[in-house]
Amino acid sequence: DKEGCGGAIWTNLDVTSVIKRNDHIESCPVDEHLAYKMEKRAVLTKRSAEETKPIPAIYDEEASA
């Protein structure tokens, strides 16, 4: 049997603020790779909405940082 994870997070649609958070239980491993990808995607989404640069240019800047 696969155990579920009690951790969850709710954000606004722009992923700029946390509305509600339930922490992971001690036995629930955090997927660091997924967390990293989610963080990078939020940065790219935010920057593409705020800046007039082409999205590939923003991506290249973030990838080289």
N, C-alpha and C. Protein backbone atom coordinates (compact mmCIF):
# COMPACT_ATOMS: atom_id res chain seq x y z
N ASP A 1 0.83 -1.20 0.00
CA ASP A 1 0.00 0.00 0.00
C ASP A 1 0.87 1.25 0.00
N LYS A 2 0.41 2.22 -0.74
CA LYS A 2 1.12 3.49 -0.82
C LYS A 2 0.50 4.48 0.16
N GLU A 3 1.35 5.09 0.98
CA GLU A 3 0.83 6.06 1.94
C GLU A 3 0.68 7.41 1.27
N GLY A 4 -0.35 8.13 1.67
CA GLY A 4 -0.55 9.47 1.15
C GLY A 4 0.27 10.49 1.92
N CYS A 5 0.30 11.67 1.41
CA CYS A 5 1.06 12.74 2.04
C CYS A 5 0.08 13.79 2.54
N GLY A 6 0.27 14.23 3.76
CA GLY A 6 -0.62 15.23 4.34
C GLY A 6 -0.27 16.65 3.98
N GLY A 7 0.82 16.85 3.24
CA GLY A 7 1.25 18.20 2.91
C GLY A 7 0.50 18.78 1.73
N ALA A 8 0.21 20.06 1.82
CA ALA A 8 -0.46 20.75 0.73
C ALA A 8 -0.22 22.24 0.87
N ILE A 9 -0.37 22.94 -0.23
CA ILE A 9 -0.23 24.39 -0.20
C ILE A 9 -1.22 24.99 -1.20
N TRP A 10 -1.85 26.06 -0.82
CA TRP A 10 -2.77 26.78 -1.69
C TRP A 10 -2.20 28.17 -1.91
N THR A 11 -2.23 28.63 -3.15
CA THR A 11 -1.73 29.97 -3.47
C THR A 11 -2.77 30.73 -4.27
N ASN A 12 -2.52 32.02 -4.45
CA ASN A 12 -3.38 32.77 -5.35
C ASN A 12 -3.04 32.36 -6.78
N LEU A 13 -3.77 32.85 -7.75
CA LEU A 13 -3.57 32.41 -9.13
C LEU A 13 -2.22 32.82 -9.71
N ASP A 14 -1.64 33.91 -9.21
CA ASP A 14 -0.34 34.36 -9.70
C ASP A 14 0.82 33.68 -8.99
N VAL A 15 0.53 32.84 -8.03
CA VAL A 15 1.52 32.14 -7.21
C VAL A 15 2.49 33.14 -6.59
N THR A 16 1.92 34.23 -6.07
CA THR A 16 2.75 35.24 -5.41
C THR A 16 2.55 35.26 -3.90
N SER A 17 1.50 34.61 -3.43
CA SER A 17 1.31 34.56 -1.98
C SER A 17 0.60 33.27 -1.59
N VAL A 18 0.95 32.80 -0.40
CA VAL A 18 0.37 31.57 0.13
C VAL A 18 -0.91 31.91 0.87
N ILE A 19 -1.98 31.21 0.54
CA ILE A 19 -3.26 31.43 1.21
C ILE A 19 -3.39 30.49 2.41
N LYS A 20 -3.05 29.24 2.22
CA LYS A 20 -3.17 28.24 3.28
C LYS A 20 -2.09 27.20 3.09
N ARG A 21 -1.60 26.65 4.19
CA ARG A 21 -0.54 25.66 4.09
C ARG A 21 -0.75 24.56 5.14
N ASN A 22 -0.66 23.32 4.71
CA ASN A 22 -0.64 22.16 5.61
C ASN A 22 0.72 21.52 5.46
N ASP A 23 1.47 21.45 6.54
CA ASP A 23 2.82 20.92 6.47
C ASP A 23 2.83 19.43 6.19
N HIS A 24 3.93 19.01 5.58
CA HIS A 24 4.14 17.58 5.34
C HIS A 24 4.34 16.87 6.67
N ILE A 25 3.90 15.64 6.71
CA ILE A 25 4.16 14.85 7.90
C ILE A 25 5.60 14.37 7.83
N GLU A 26 6.18 14.01 8.97
CA GLU A 26 7.59 13.65 9.05
C GLU A 26 7.97 12.52 8.08
N SER A 27 7.08 11.57 7.87
CA SER A 27 7.42 10.42 7.03
C SER A 27 7.18 10.69 5.54
N CYS A 28 6.73 11.87 5.19
CA CYS A 28 6.44 12.19 3.79
C CYS A 28 7.64 12.90 3.17
N PRO A 29 8.29 12.27 2.20
CA PRO A 29 9.44 12.91 1.57
C PRO A 29 9.01 14.04 0.64
N VAL A 30 9.76 15.12 0.65
CA VAL A 30 9.50 16.25 -0.24
C VAL A 30 10.26 16.00 -1.54
N ASP A 31 9.61 16.15 -2.64
CA ASP A 31 10.25 15.99 -3.95
C ASP A 31 10.97 17.30 -4.27
N GLU A 32 12.26 17.35 -3.99
CA GLU A 32 13.05 18.57 -4.17
C GLU A 32 13.07 19.01 -5.63
N HIS A 33 13.14 18.07 -6.55
CA HIS A 33 13.17 18.42 -7.97
C HIS A 33 11.87 19.11 -8.39
N LEU A 34 10.75 18.57 -7.94
CA LEU A 34 9.46 19.16 -8.26
C LEU A 34 9.33 20.55 -7.64
N ALA A 35 9.78 20.70 -6.40
CA ALA A 35 9.72 22.01 -5.73
C ALA A 35 10.56 23.03 -6.49
N TYR A 36 11.73 22.62 -6.97
CA TYR A 36 12.61 23.51 -7.73
C TYR A 36 11.94 23.93 -9.04
N LYS A 37 11.34 22.97 -9.74
CA LYS A 37 10.67 23.28 -11.01
C LYS A 37 9.49 24.23 -10.80
N MET A 38 8.74 24.02 -9.73
CA MET A 38 7.60 24.89 -9.44
C MET A 38 8.06 26.31 -9.14
N GLU A 39 9.15 26.43 -8.38
CA GLU A 39 9.68 27.74 -8.05
C GLU A 39 10.16 28.46 -9.31
N LYS A 40 10.89 27.76 -10.17
CA LYS A 40 11.39 28.36 -11.41
C LYS A 40 10.24 28.77 -12.33
N ARG A 41 9.21 27.94 -12.41
CA ARG A 41 8.06 28.27 -13.26
C ARG A 41 7.36 29.52 -12.74
N ALA A 42 7.23 29.65 -11.43
CA ALA A 42 6.59 30.84 -10.85
C ALA A 42 7.39 32.09 -11.18
N VAL A 43 8.72 32.00 -11.12
CA VAL A 43 9.57 33.15 -11.46
C VAL A 43 9.40 33.52 -12.93
N LEU A 44 9.43 32.52 -13.81
CA LEU A 44 9.27 32.79 -15.24
C LEU A 44 7.90 33.40 -15.55
N THR A 45 6.87 32.89 -14.92
CA THR A 45 5.51 33.40 -15.14
C THR A 45 5.41 34.85 -14.69
N LYS A 46 5.96 35.13 -13.51
CA LYS A 46 5.91 36.49 -12.96
C LYS A 46 6.69 37.45 -13.85
N ARG A 47 7.89 37.07 -14.23
CA ARG A 47 8.71 37.95 -15.07
C ARG A 47 8.09 38.17 -16.44
N SER A 48 7.52 37.14 -17.03
CA SER A 48 6.93 37.30 -18.37
C SER A 48 5.71 38.22 -18.34
N ALA A 49 5.02 38.28 -17.20
CA ALA A 49 3.87 39.17 -17.07
C ALA A 49 4.31 40.62 -16.84
N GLU A 50 5.47 40.80 -16.20
CA GLU A 50 5.92 42.14 -15.82
C GLU A 50 6.86 42.79 -16.84
N GLU A 51 7.60 42.00 -17.61
CA GLU A 51 8.63 42.54 -18.49
C GLU A 51 8.20 42.47 -19.95
N THR A 52 8.81 43.33 -20.77
CA THR A 52 8.48 43.34 -22.20
C THR A 52 9.44 42.48 -23.02
N LYS A 53 10.40 41.84 -22.36
CA LYS A 53 11.34 40.96 -23.06
C LYS A 53 10.62 39.73 -23.60
N PRO A 54 11.13 39.15 -24.68
CA PRO A 54 10.56 37.88 -25.16
C PRO A 54 10.77 36.77 -24.12
N ILE A 55 9.84 35.87 -24.04
CA ILE A 55 9.91 34.79 -23.05
C ILE A 55 11.18 33.97 -23.19
N PRO A 56 11.64 33.62 -24.41
CA PRO A 56 12.90 32.87 -24.51
C PRO A 56 14.09 33.61 -23.90
N ALA A 57 14.11 34.95 -24.01
CA ALA A 57 15.20 35.73 -23.41
C ALA A 57 15.15 35.65 -21.89
N ILE A 58 13.96 35.72 -21.33
CA ILE A 58 13.80 35.60 -19.87
C ILE A 58 14.23 34.21 -19.43
N TYR A 59 13.82 33.20 -20.19
CA TYR A 59 14.19 31.82 -19.87
C TYR A 59 15.71 31.66 -19.87
N ASP A 60 16.36 32.20 -20.90
CA ASP A 60 17.82 32.10 -20.99
C ASP A 60 18.51 32.78 -19.80
N GLU A 61 18.00 33.95 -19.39
CA GLU A 61 18.57 34.64 -18.24
C GLU A 61 18.43 33.81 -16.97
N GLU A 62 17.25 33.23 -16.77
CA GLU A 62 17.02 32.43 -15.57
C GLU A 62 17.84 31.15 -15.60
N ALA A 63 17.99 30.56 -16.77
CA ALA A 63 18.76 29.31 -16.89
C ALA A 63 20.24 29.53 -16.60
N SER A 64 20.74 30.71 -16.94
CA SER A 64 22.17 30.98 -16.71
C SER A 64 22.45 31.53 -15.32
N ALA A 65 21.41 31.84 -14.56
CA ALA A 65 21.60 32.40 -13.20
C ALA A 65 21.94 31.33 -12.19
